[in-house]
Amino acid sequence: MLALNCAAHTPSAMMENAMLNNETVNMRDDDKDEKFVVRFPMGMRARLSMAAKASHRSMNSECVYRIDCSLKQEQEIARLKAVIDVLLNGGTPASNVVQLSEAGQ
């Protein structure tokens, strides 16, 4: 009996076999996404589940959304630190940086 989880039945192996035989390959979109297993600290899964329900997202979508937001925030924090460094050193920020007076203060 052939085991269904053997290497010949992985999506990449099936794709390779189909390409060798000049067959059309139809893969679901989620088969193209990278997969990564995460271990949550105790209680985090429940918190994430509640947040996902409140946002009308799947738990996977909520995880991806939260990770994406945190990466964007890191970029913004780095940009703001650079502006602060320029201002503290007596320089003027680039023209595309919003000044406090322009921001309504």
PDB file of N, CA and C in Angstrom:
ATOM      1  N   MET A   1       0.844  -1.177   0.000  1.00  0.00           N
ATOM      2  CA  MET A   1       0.000   0.000   0.000  1.00  0.00           C
ATOM      3  C   MET A   1       0.890   1.241   0.000  1.00  0.00           C
ATOM      4  N   LEU A   2       0.549   2.232  -0.786  1.00  0.00           N
ATOM      5  CA  LEU A   2       1.328   3.453  -0.921  1.00  0.00           C
ATOM      6  C   LEU A   2       0.899   4.460   0.135  1.00  0.00           C
ATOM      7  N   ALA A   3       1.851   4.998   0.852  1.00  0.00           N
ATOM      8  CA  ALA A   3       1.540   6.014   1.859  1.00  0.00           C
ATOM      9  C   ALA A   3       1.269   7.338   1.164  1.00  0.00           C
ATOM     10  N   LEU A   4       0.224   8.023   1.578  1.00  0.00           N
ATOM     11  CA  LEU A   4      -0.155   9.280   0.944  1.00  0.00           C
ATOM     12  C   LEU A   4       0.765  10.435   1.304  1.00  0.00           C
ATOM     13  N   ASN A   5       1.535  10.276   2.356  1.00  0.00           N
ATOM     14  CA  ASN A   5       2.410  11.374   2.749  1.00  0.00           C
ATOM     15  C   ASN A   5       3.848  11.183   2.284  1.00  0.00           C
ATOM     16  N   CYS A   6       4.070  10.293   1.345  1.00  0.00           N
ATOM     17  CA  CYS A   6       5.435  10.078   0.863  1.00  0.00           C
ATOM     18  C   CYS A   6       5.879  11.255   0.003  1.00  0.00           C
ATOM     19  N   ALA A   7       7.167  11.347  -0.243  1.00  0.00           N
ATOM     20  CA  ALA A   7       7.741  12.483  -0.959  1.00  0.00           C
ATOM     21  C   ALA A   7       7.185  12.642  -2.363  1.00  0.00           C
ATOM     22  N   ALA A   8       6.756  11.550  -2.993  1.00  0.00           N
ATOM     23  CA  ALA A   8       6.227  11.627  -4.358  1.00  0.00           C
ATOM     24  C   ALA A   8       4.881  12.329  -4.413  1.00  0.00           C
ATOM     25  N   HIS A   9       4.224  12.500  -3.265  1.00  0.00           N
ATOM     26  CA  HIS A   9       2.915  13.124  -3.250  1.00  0.00           C
ATOM     27  C   HIS A   9       2.925  14.543  -2.690  1.00  0.00           C
ATOM     28  N   THR A  10       4.087  15.124  -2.519  1.00  0.00           N
ATOM     29  CA  THR A  10       4.151  16.513  -2.090  1.00  0.00           C
ATOM     30  C   THR A  10       3.784  17.388  -3.276  1.00  0.00           C
ATOM     31  N   PRO A  11       3.256  18.595  -3.039  1.00  0.00           N
ATOM     32  CA  PRO A  11       2.886  19.467  -4.154  1.00  0.00           C
ATOM     33  C   PRO A  11       4.028  19.723  -5.124  1.00  0.00           C
ATOM     34  N   SER A  12       5.247  19.914  -4.612  1.00  0.00           N
ATOM     35  CA  SER A  12       6.366  20.194  -5.516  1.00  0.00           C
ATOM     36  C   SER A  12       6.711  18.978  -6.366  1.00  0.00           C
ATOM     37  N   ALA A  13       6.646  17.768  -5.788  1.00  0.00           N
ATOM     38  CA  ALA A  13       6.933  16.553  -6.559  1.00  0.00           C
ATOM     39  C   ALA A  13       5.857  16.316  -7.606  1.00  0.00           C
ATOM     40  N   MET A  14       4.597  16.550  -7.247  1.00  0.00           N
ATOM     41  CA  MET A  14       3.512  16.368  -8.217  1.00  0.00           C
ATOM     42  C   MET A  14       3.632  17.381  -9.344  1.00  0.00           C
ATOM     43  N   MET A  15       4.028  18.609  -9.018  1.00  0.00           N
ATOM     44  CA  MET A  15       4.229  19.638 -10.037  1.00  0.00           C
ATOM     45  C   MET A  15       5.365  19.237 -10.966  1.00  0.00           C
ATOM     46  N   GLU A  16       6.455  18.749 -10.405  1.00  0.00           N
ATOM     47  CA  GLU A  16       7.607  18.330 -11.201  1.00  0.00           C
ATOM     48  C   GLU A  16       7.231  17.188 -12.145  1.00  0.00           C
ATOM     49  N   ASN A  17       6.509  16.190 -11.646  1.00  0.00           N
ATOM     50  CA  ASN A  17       6.074  15.071 -12.491  1.00  0.00           C
ATOM     51  C   ASN A  17       5.163  15.544 -13.611  1.00  0.00           C
ATOM     52  N   ALA A  18       4.256  16.438 -13.307  1.00  0.00           N
ATOM     53  CA  ALA A  18       3.342  16.948 -14.323  1.00  0.00           C
ATOM     54  C   ALA A  18       4.097  17.721 -15.390  1.00  0.00           C
ATOM     55  N   MET A  19       5.092  18.503 -14.982  1.00  0.00           N
ATOM     56  CA  MET A  19       5.873  19.271 -15.949  1.00  0.00           C
ATOM     57  C   MET A  19       6.680  18.340 -16.849  1.00  0.00           C
ATOM     58  N   LEU A  20       7.222  17.264 -16.287  1.00  0.00           N
ATOM     59  CA  LEU A  20       7.985  16.299 -17.081  1.00  0.00           C
ATOM     60  C   LEU A  20       7.098  15.611 -18.117  1.00  0.00           C
ATOM     61  N   ASN A  21       5.829  15.424 -17.783  1.00  0.00           N
ATOM     62  CA  ASN A  21       4.896  14.757 -18.691  1.00  0.00           C
ATOM     63  C   ASN A  21       4.092  15.739 -19.533  1.00  0.00           C
ATOM     64  N   ASN A  22       4.476  17.014 -19.520  1.00  0.00           N
ATOM     65  CA  ASN A  22       3.787  18.065 -20.269  1.00  0.00           C
ATOM     66  C   ASN A  22       2.295  18.117 -19.953  1.00  0.00           C
ATOM     67  N   GLU A  23       1.955  17.929 -18.696  1.00  0.00           N
ATOM     68  CA  GLU A  23       0.566  17.992 -18.266  1.00  0.00           C
ATOM     69  C   GLU A  23       0.268  19.375 -17.702  1.00  0.00           C
ATOM     70  N   THR A  24      -1.000  19.753 -17.752  1.00  0.00           N
ATOM     71  CA  THR A  24      -1.429  21.003 -17.143  1.00  0.00           C
ATOM     72  C   THR A  24      -1.477  20.819 -15.636  1.00  0.00           C
ATOM     73  N   VAL A  25      -0.988  21.801 -14.929  1.00  0.00           N
ATOM     74  CA  VAL A  25      -0.961  21.723 -13.474  1.00  0.00           C
ATOM     75  C   VAL A  25      -1.896  22.783 -12.913  1.00  0.00           C
ATOM     76  N   ASN A  26      -2.851  22.348 -12.111  1.00  0.00           N
ATOM     77  CA  ASN A  26      -3.752  23.271 -11.425  1.00  0.00           C
ATOM     78  C   ASN A  26      -3.494  23.155  -9.937  1.00  0.00           C
ATOM     79  N   MET A  27      -2.965  24.224  -9.370  1.00  0.00           N
ATOM     80  CA  MET A  27      -2.719  24.235  -7.928  1.00  0.00           C
ATOM     81  C   MET A  27      -3.601  25.299  -7.310  1.00  0.00           C
ATOM     82  N   ARG A  28      -4.116  25.011  -6.139  1.00  0.00           N
ATOM     83  CA  ARG A  28      -4.879  26.021  -5.418  1.00  0.00           C
ATOM     84  C   ARG A  28      -3.931  27.151  -5.043  1.00  0.00           C
ATOM     85  N   ASP A  29      -4.488  28.343  -4.875  1.00  0.00           N
ATOM     86  CA  ASP A  29      -3.666  29.498  -4.513  1.00  0.00           C
ATOM     87  C   ASP A  29      -2.925  29.294  -3.204  1.00  0.00           C
ATOM     88  N   ASP A  30      -3.580  28.651  -2.231  1.00  0.00           N
ATOM     89  CA  ASP A  30      -2.918  28.494  -0.941  1.00  0.00           C
ATOM     90  C   ASP A  30      -1.769  27.493  -0.990  1.00  0.00           C
ATOM     91  N   ASP A  31      -1.699  26.672  -2.037  1.00  0.00           N
ATOM     92  CA  ASP A  31      -0.555  25.778  -2.194  1.00  0.00           C
ATOM     93  C   ASP A  31       0.693  26.549  -2.617  1.00  0.00           C
ATOM     94  N   LYS A  32       0.505  27.750  -3.151  1.00  0.00           N
ATOM     95  CA  LYS A  32       1.632  28.564  -3.594  1.00  0.00           C
ATOM     96  C   LYS A  32       2.215  29.388  -2.443  1.00  0.00           C
ATOM     97  N   ASP A  33       1.444  29.564  -1.390  1.00  0.00           N
ATOM     98  CA  ASP A  33       1.908  30.345  -0.250  1.00  0.00           C
ATOM     99  C   ASP A  33       2.926  29.558   0.564  1.00  0.00           C
ATOM    100  N   GLU A  34       3.846  30.283   1.165  1.00  0.00           N
ATOM    101  CA  GLU A  34       4.805  29.637   2.053  1.00  0.00           C
ATOM    102  C   GLU A  34       4.111  29.303   3.363  1.00  0.00           C
ATOM    103  N   LYS A  35       4.490  28.200   3.945  1.00  0.00           N
ATOM    104  CA  LYS A  35       3.891  27.772   5.205  1.00  0.00           C
ATOM    105  C   LYS A  35       4.940  27.803   6.306  1.00  0.00           C
ATOM    106  N   PHE A  36       4.488  28.140   7.519  1.00  0.00           N
ATOM    107  CA  PHE A  36       5.377  28.237   8.667  1.00  0.00           C
ATOM    108  C   PHE A  36       4.575  27.878   9.910  1.00  0.00           C
ATOM    109  N   VAL A  37       5.080  26.965  10.696  1.00  0.00           N
ATOM    110  CA  VAL A  37       4.396  26.538  11.918  1.00  0.00           C
ATOM    111  C   VAL A  37       4.837  27.440  13.067  1.00  0.00           C
ATOM    112  N   VAL A  38       3.869  27.907  13.846  1.00  0.00           N
ATOM    113  CA  VAL A  38       4.153  28.804  14.964  1.00  0.00           C
ATOM    114  C   VAL A  38       3.629  28.189  16.255  1.00  0.00           C
ATOM    115  N   ARG A  39       4.421  28.273  17.312  1.00  0.00           N
ATOM    116  CA  ARG A  39       3.964  27.858  18.642  1.00  0.00           C
ATOM    117  C   ARG A  39       3.622  29.127  19.416  1.00  0.00           C
ATOM    118  N   PHE A  40       2.379  29.212  19.886  1.00  0.00           N
ATOM    119  CA  PHE A  40       1.937  30.373  20.649  1.00  0.00           C
ATOM    120  C   PHE A  40       2.146  30.142  22.142  1.00  0.00           C
ATOM    121  N   PRO A  41       2.507  31.194  22.868  1.00  0.00           N
ATOM    122  CA  PRO A  41       2.538  31.074  24.326  1.00  0.00           C
ATOM    123  C   PRO A  41       1.120  30.805  24.837  1.00  0.00           C
ATOM    124  N   MET A  42       1.024  30.256  26.028  1.00  0.00           N
ATOM    125  CA  MET A  42      -0.262  29.917  26.619  1.00  0.00           C
ATOM    126  C   MET A  42      -1.200  31.130  26.609  1.00  0.00           C
ATOM    127  N   GLY A  43      -2.387  30.961  26.090  1.00  0.00           N
ATOM    128  CA  GLY A  43      -3.395  32.016  26.086  1.00  0.00           C
ATOM    129  C   GLY A  43      -3.397  32.890  24.848  1.00  0.00           C
ATOM    130  N   MET A  44      -2.307  32.911  24.089  1.00  0.00           N
ATOM    131  CA  MET A  44      -2.249  33.789  22.924  1.00  0.00           C
ATOM    132  C   MET A  44      -3.182  33.326  21.807  1.00  0.00           C
ATOM    133  N   ARG A  45      -3.332  32.032  21.639  1.00  0.00           N
ATOM    134  CA  ARG A  45      -4.204  31.513  20.584  1.00  0.00           C
ATOM    135  C   ARG A  45      -5.642  31.984  20.803  1.00  0.00           C
ATOM    136  N   ALA A  46      -6.108  31.955  22.038  1.00  0.00           N
ATOM    137  CA  ALA A  46      -7.468  32.408  22.347  1.00  0.00           C
ATOM    138  C   ALA A  46      -7.611  33.905  22.082  1.00  0.00           C
ATOM    139  N   ARG A  47      -6.600  34.687  22.475  1.00  0.00           N
ATOM    140  CA  ARG A  47      -6.639  36.133  22.218  1.00  0.00           C
ATOM    141  C   ARG A  47      -6.654  36.416  20.730  1.00  0.00           C
ATOM    142  N   LEU A  48      -5.842  35.680  19.984  1.00  0.00           N
ATOM    143  CA  LEU A  48      -5.784  35.851  18.542  1.00  0.00           C
ATOM    144  C   LEU A  48      -7.109  35.463  17.894  1.00  0.00           C
ATOM    145  N   SER A  49      -7.703  34.396  18.374  1.00  0.00           N
ATOM    146  CA  SER A  49      -8.992  33.951  17.852  1.00  0.00           C
ATOM    147  C   SER A  49     -10.067  35.015  18.069  1.00  0.00           C
ATOM    148  N   MET A  50     -10.094  35.614  19.254  1.00  0.00           N
ATOM    149  CA  MET A  50     -11.074  36.673  19.537  1.00  0.00           C
ATOM    150  C   MET A  50     -10.830  37.890  18.649  1.00  0.00           C
ATOM    151  N   ALA A  51      -9.573  38.258  18.454  1.00  0.00           N
ATOM    152  CA  ALA A  51      -9.246  39.402  17.596  1.00  0.00           C
ATOM    153  C   ALA A  51      -9.643  39.126  16.152  1.00  0.00           C
ATOM    154  N   ALA A  52      -9.414  37.905  15.693  1.00  0.00           N
ATOM    155  CA  ALA A  52      -9.779  37.533  14.322  1.00  0.00           C
ATOM    156  C   ALA A  52     -11.289  37.606  14.130  1.00  0.00           C
ATOM    157  N   LYS A  53     -12.038  37.102  15.094  1.00  0.00           N
ATOM    158  CA  LYS A  53     -13.505  37.157  15.003  1.00  0.00           C
ATOM    159  C   LYS A  53     -13.992  38.598  14.992  1.00  0.00           C
ATOM    160  N   ALA A  54     -13.413  39.438  15.838  1.00  0.00           N
ATOM    161  CA  ALA A  54     -13.811  40.844  15.900  1.00  0.00           C
ATOM    162  C   ALA A  54     -13.504  41.578  14.597  1.00  0.00           C
ATOM    163  N   SER A  55     -12.463  41.145  13.898  1.00  0.00           N
ATOM    164  CA  SER A  55     -12.054  41.772  12.631  1.00  0.00           C
ATOM    165  C   SER A  55     -12.652  41.083  11.415  1.00  0.00           C
ATOM    166  N   HIS A  56     -13.435  40.024  11.659  1.00  0.00           N
ATOM    167  CA  HIS A  56     -14.034  39.235  10.573  1.00  0.00           C
ATOM    168  C   HIS A  56     -12.964  38.674   9.638  1.00  0.00           C
ATOM    169  N   ARG A  57     -11.886  38.165  10.262  1.00  0.00           N
ATOM    170  CA  ARG A  57     -10.806  37.540   9.504  1.00  0.00           C
ATOM    171  C   ARG A  57     -10.585  36.134  10.045  1.00  0.00           C
ATOM    172  N   SER A  58      -9.934  35.312   9.230  1.00  0.00           N
ATOM    173  CA  SER A  58      -9.504  34.002   9.719  1.00  0.00           C
ATOM    174  C   SER A  58      -8.328  34.226  10.665  1.00  0.00           C
ATOM    175  N   MET A  59      -8.010  33.219  11.446  1.00  0.00           N
ATOM    176  CA  MET A  59      -6.855  33.351  12.338  1.00  0.00           C
ATOM    177  C   MET A  59      -5.577  33.546  11.532  1.00  0.00           C
ATOM    178  N   ASN A  60      -5.460  32.855  10.406  1.00  0.00           N
ATOM    179  CA  ASN A  60      -4.282  33.016   9.558  1.00  0.00           C
ATOM    180  C   ASN A  60      -4.184  34.454   9.047  1.00  0.00           C
ATOM    181  N   SER A  61      -5.303  34.986   8.548  1.00  0.00           N
ATOM    182  CA  SER A  61      -5.306  36.360   8.040  1.00  0.00           C
ATOM    183  C   SER A  61      -4.973  37.355   9.140  1.00  0.00           C
ATOM    184  N   GLU A  62      -5.469  37.093  10.342  1.00  0.00           N
ATOM    185  CA  GLU A  62      -5.180  37.978  11.475  1.00  0.00           C
ATOM    186  C   GLU A  62      -3.687  37.956  11.803  1.00  0.00           C
ATOM    187  N   CYS A  63      -3.086  36.769  11.808  1.00  0.00           N
ATOM    188  CA  CYS A  63      -1.636  36.654  12.063  1.00  0.00           C
ATOM    189  C   CYS A  63      -0.843  37.423  11.018  1.00  0.00           C
ATOM    190  N   VAL A  64      -1.171  37.212   9.752  1.00  0.00           N
ATOM    191  CA  VAL A  64      -0.452  37.875   8.661  1.00  0.00           C
ATOM    192  C   VAL A  64      -0.630  39.387   8.758  1.00  0.00           C
ATOM    193  N   TYR A  65      -1.858  39.835   9.035  1.00  0.00           N
ATOM    194  CA  TYR A  65      -2.144  41.264   9.165  1.00  0.00           C
ATOM    195  C   TYR A  65      -1.315  41.884  10.289  1.00  0.00           C
ATOM    196  N   ARG A  66      -1.296  41.214  11.443  1.00  0.00           N
ATOM    197  CA  ARG A  66      -0.573  41.738  12.600  1.00  0.00           C
ATOM    198  C   ARG A  66       0.936  41.782  12.350  1.00  0.00           C
ATOM    199  N   ILE A  67       1.472  40.762  11.726  1.00  0.00           N
ATOM    200  CA  ILE A  67       2.909  40.738  11.420  1.00  0.00           C
ATOM    201  C   ILE A  67       3.250  41.847  10.431  1.00  0.00           C
ATOM    202  N   ASP A  68       2.417  42.001   9.399  1.00  0.00           N
ATOM    203  CA  ASP A  68       2.643  43.039   8.397  1.00  0.00           C
ATOM    204  C   ASP A  68       2.615  44.425   9.039  1.00  0.00           C
ATOM    205  N   CYS A  69       1.641  44.668   9.913  1.00  0.00           N
ATOM    206  CA  CYS A  69       1.551  45.960  10.604  1.00  0.00           C
ATOM    207  C   CYS A  69       2.792  46.235  11.445  1.00  0.00           C
ATOM    208  N   SER A  70       3.274  45.226  12.151  1.00  0.00           N
ATOM    209  CA  SER A  70       4.445  45.447  13.007  1.00  0.00           C
ATOM    210  C   SER A  70       5.689  45.741  12.175  1.00  0.00           C
ATOM    211  N   LEU A  71       5.820  45.097  11.021  1.00  0.00           N
ATOM    212  CA  LEU A  71       6.972  45.370  10.157  1.00  0.00           C
ATOM    213  C   LEU A  71       6.899  46.781   9.588  1.00  0.00           C
ATOM    214  N   LYS A  72       5.696  47.223   9.212  1.00  0.00           N
ATOM    215  CA  LYS A  72       5.529  48.592   8.708  1.00  0.00           C
ATOM    216  C   LYS A  72       5.819  49.609   9.806  1.00  0.00           C
ATOM    217  N   GLN A  73       5.400  49.314  11.039  1.00  0.00           N
ATOM    218  CA  GLN A  73       5.667  50.225  12.151  1.00  0.00           C
ATOM    219  C   GLN A  73       7.162  50.347  12.413  1.00  0.00           C
ATOM    220  N   GLU A  74       7.895  49.253  12.297  1.00  0.00           N
ATOM    221  CA  GLU A  74       9.349  49.313  12.480  1.00  0.00           C
ATOM    222  C   GLU A  74       9.982  50.246  11.455  1.00  0.00           C
ATOM    223  N   GLN A  75       9.513  50.184  10.203  1.00  0.00           N
ATOM    224  CA  GLN A  75      10.040  51.062   9.160  1.00  0.00           C
ATOM    225  C   GLN A  75       9.727  52.520   9.480  1.00  0.00           C
ATOM    226  N   GLU A  76       8.502  52.777   9.935  1.00  0.00           N
ATOM    227  CA  GLU A  76       8.108  54.148  10.266  1.00  0.00           C
ATOM    228  C   GLU A  76       8.901  54.666  11.460  1.00  0.00           C
ATOM    229  N   ILE A  77       9.126  53.838  12.455  1.00  0.00           N
ATOM    230  CA  ILE A  77       9.923  54.241  13.619  1.00  0.00           C
ATOM    231  C   ILE A  77      11.350  54.574  13.194  1.00  0.00           C
ATOM    232  N   ALA A  78      11.925  53.773  12.315  1.00  0.00           N
ATOM    233  CA  ALA A  78      13.283  54.044  11.820  1.00  0.00           C
ATOM    234  C   ALA A  78      13.322  55.369  11.064  1.00  0.00           C
ATOM    235  N   ARG A  79      12.291  55.643  10.265  1.00  0.00           N
ATOM    236  CA  ARG A  79      12.228  56.901   9.517  1.00  0.00           C
ATOM    237  C   ARG A  79      12.126  58.082  10.478  1.00  0.00           C
ATOM    238  N   LEU A  80      11.275  57.960  11.484  1.00  0.00           N
ATOM    239  CA  LEU A  80      11.105  59.050  12.447  1.00  0.00           C
ATOM    240  C   LEU A  80      12.371  59.282  13.273  1.00  0.00           C
ATOM    241  N   LYS A  81      13.075  58.217  13.629  1.00  0.00           N
ATOM    242  CA  LYS A  81      14.344  58.365  14.352  1.00  0.00           C
ATOM    243  C   LYS A  81      15.364  59.108  13.501  1.00  0.00           C
ATOM    244  N   ALA A  82      15.373  58.831  12.202  1.00  0.00           N
ATOM    245  CA  ALA A  82      16.295  59.531  11.301  1.00  0.00           C
ATOM    246  C   ALA A  82      15.957  61.016  11.241  1.00  0.00           C
ATOM    247  N   VAL A  83      14.673  61.348  11.211  1.00  0.00           N
ATOM    248  CA  VAL A  83      14.249  62.751  11.206  1.00  0.00           C
ATOM    249  C   VAL A  83      14.672  63.424  12.506  1.00  0.00           C
ATOM    250  N   ILE A  84      14.479  62.753  13.628  1.00  0.00           N
ATOM    251  CA  ILE A  84      14.875  63.302  14.932  1.00  0.00           C
ATOM    252  C   ILE A  84      16.380  63.549  14.967  1.00  0.00           C
ATOM    253  N   ASP A  85      17.164  62.603  14.457  1.00  0.00           N
ATOM    254  CA  ASP A  85      18.622  62.771  14.426  1.00  0.00           C
ATOM    255  C   ASP A  85      19.011  63.991  13.611  1.00  0.00           C
ATOM    256  N   VAL A  86      18.367  64.180  12.464  1.00  0.00           N
ATOM    257  CA  VAL A  86      18.673  65.338  11.618  1.00  0.00           C
ATOM    258  C   VAL A  86      18.339  66.626  12.364  1.00  0.00           C
ATOM    259  N   LEU A  87      17.174  66.660  12.999  1.00  0.00           N
ATOM    260  CA  LEU A  87      16.758  67.867  13.714  1.00  0.00           C
ATOM    261  C   LEU A  87      17.650  68.155  14.917  1.00  0.00           C
ATOM    262  N   LEU A  88      18.055  67.119  15.638  1.00  0.00           N
ATOM    263  CA  LEU A  88      18.924  67.314  16.798  1.00  0.00           C
ATOM    264  C   LEU A  88      20.311  67.795  16.401  1.00  0.00           C
ATOM    265  N   ASN A  89      20.728  67.476  15.191  1.00  0.00           N
ATOM    266  CA  ASN A  89      22.044  67.896  14.709  1.00  0.00           C
ATOM    267  C   ASN A  89      21.983  69.219  13.960  1.00  0.00           C
ATOM    268  N   GLY A  90      20.864  69.927  14.055  1.00  0.00           N
ATOM    269  CA  GLY A  90      20.758  71.257  13.471  1.00  0.00           C
ATOM    270  C   GLY A  90      20.432  71.279  11.997  1.00  0.00           C
ATOM    271  N   GLY A  91      20.154  70.159  11.416  1.00  0.00           N
ATOM    272  CA  GLY A  91      19.806  70.122  10.004  1.00  0.00           C
ATOM    273  C   GLY A  91      18.321  70.335   9.797  1.00  0.00           C
ATOM    274  N   THR A  92      17.939  70.366   8.554  1.00  0.00           N
ATOM    275  CA  THR A  92      16.512  70.456   8.238  1.00  0.00           C
ATOM    276  C   THR A  92      16.097  69.152   7.572  1.00  0.00           C
ATOM    277  N   PRO A  93      14.925  68.669   7.900  1.00  0.00           N
ATOM    278  CA  PRO A  93      14.480  67.407   7.296  1.00  0.00           C
ATOM    279  C   PRO A  93      14.193  67.574   5.816  1.00  0.00           C
ATOM    280  N   ALA A  94      14.134  66.488   5.124  1.00  0.00           N
ATOM    281  CA  ALA A  94      13.833  66.508   3.689  1.00  0.00           C
ATOM    282  C   ALA A  94      12.464  67.139   3.470  1.00  0.00           C
ATOM    283  N   SER A  95      12.233  67.651   2.280  1.00  0.00           N
ATOM    284  CA  SER A  95      10.989  68.365   1.986  1.00  0.00           C
ATOM    285  C   SER A  95       9.754  67.471   2.058  1.00  0.00           C
ATOM    286  N   ASN A  96       9.931  66.161   1.938  1.00  0.00           N
ATOM    287  CA  ASN A  96       8.770  65.275   1.971  1.00  0.00           C
ATOM    288  C   ASN A  96       8.377  64.863   3.384  1.00  0.00           C
ATOM    289  N   VAL A  97       9.079  65.374   4.398  1.00  0.00           N
ATOM    290  CA  VAL A  97       8.749  65.072   5.789  1.00  0.00           C
ATOM    291  C   VAL A  97       7.821  66.163   6.301  1.00  0.00           C
ATOM    292  N   VAL A  98       6.709  65.794   6.884  1.00  0.00           N
ATOM    293  CA  VAL A  98       5.723  66.748   7.382  1.00  0.00           C
ATOM    294  C   VAL A  98       6.281  67.472   8.605  1.00  0.00           C
ATOM    295  N   GLN A  99       6.253  68.795   8.549  1.00  0.00           N
ATOM    296  CA  GLN A  99       6.694  69.619   9.669  1.00  0.00           C
ATOM    297  C   GLN A  99       5.565  69.723  10.688  1.00  0.00           C
ATOM    298  N   LEU A 100       5.905  70.026  11.944  1.00  0.00           N
ATOM    299  CA  LEU A 100       4.884  70.162  12.981  1.00  0.00           C
ATOM    300  C   LEU A 100       3.856  71.221  12.626  1.00  0.00           C
ATOM    301  N   SER A 101       4.285  72.356  12.060  1.00  0.00           N
ATOM    302  CA  SER A 101       3.346  73.420  11.705  1.00  0.00           C
ATOM    303  C   SER A 101       2.384  72.962  10.611  1.00  0.00           C
ATOM    304  N   GLU A 102       2.844  72.112   9.710  1.00  0.00           N
ATOM    305  CA  GLU A 102       1.984  71.595   8.648  1.00  0.00           C
ATOM    306  C   GLU A 102       1.003  70.564   9.184  1.00  0.00           C
ATOM    307  N   ALA A 103       1.361  69.918  10.278  1.00  0.00           N
ATOM    308  CA  ALA A 103       0.521  68.869  10.840  1.00  0.00           C
ATOM    309  C   ALA A 103      -0.587  69.443  11.710  1.00  0.00           C
ATOM    310  N   GLY A 104      -0.678  70.765  11.813  1.00  0.00           N
ATOM    311  CA  GLY A 104      -1.759  71.383  12.556  1.00  0.00           C
ATOM    312  C   GLY A 104      -1.399  71.792  13.967  1.00  0.00           C
ATOM    313  N   GLN A 105      -0.121  71.905  14.278  1.00  0.00           N
ATOM    314  CA  GLN A 105       0.277  72.324  15.629  1.00  0.00           C
ATOM    315  C   GLN A 105       0.919  73.678  15.576  1.00  0.00           C
TER     316      GLN A 105
END
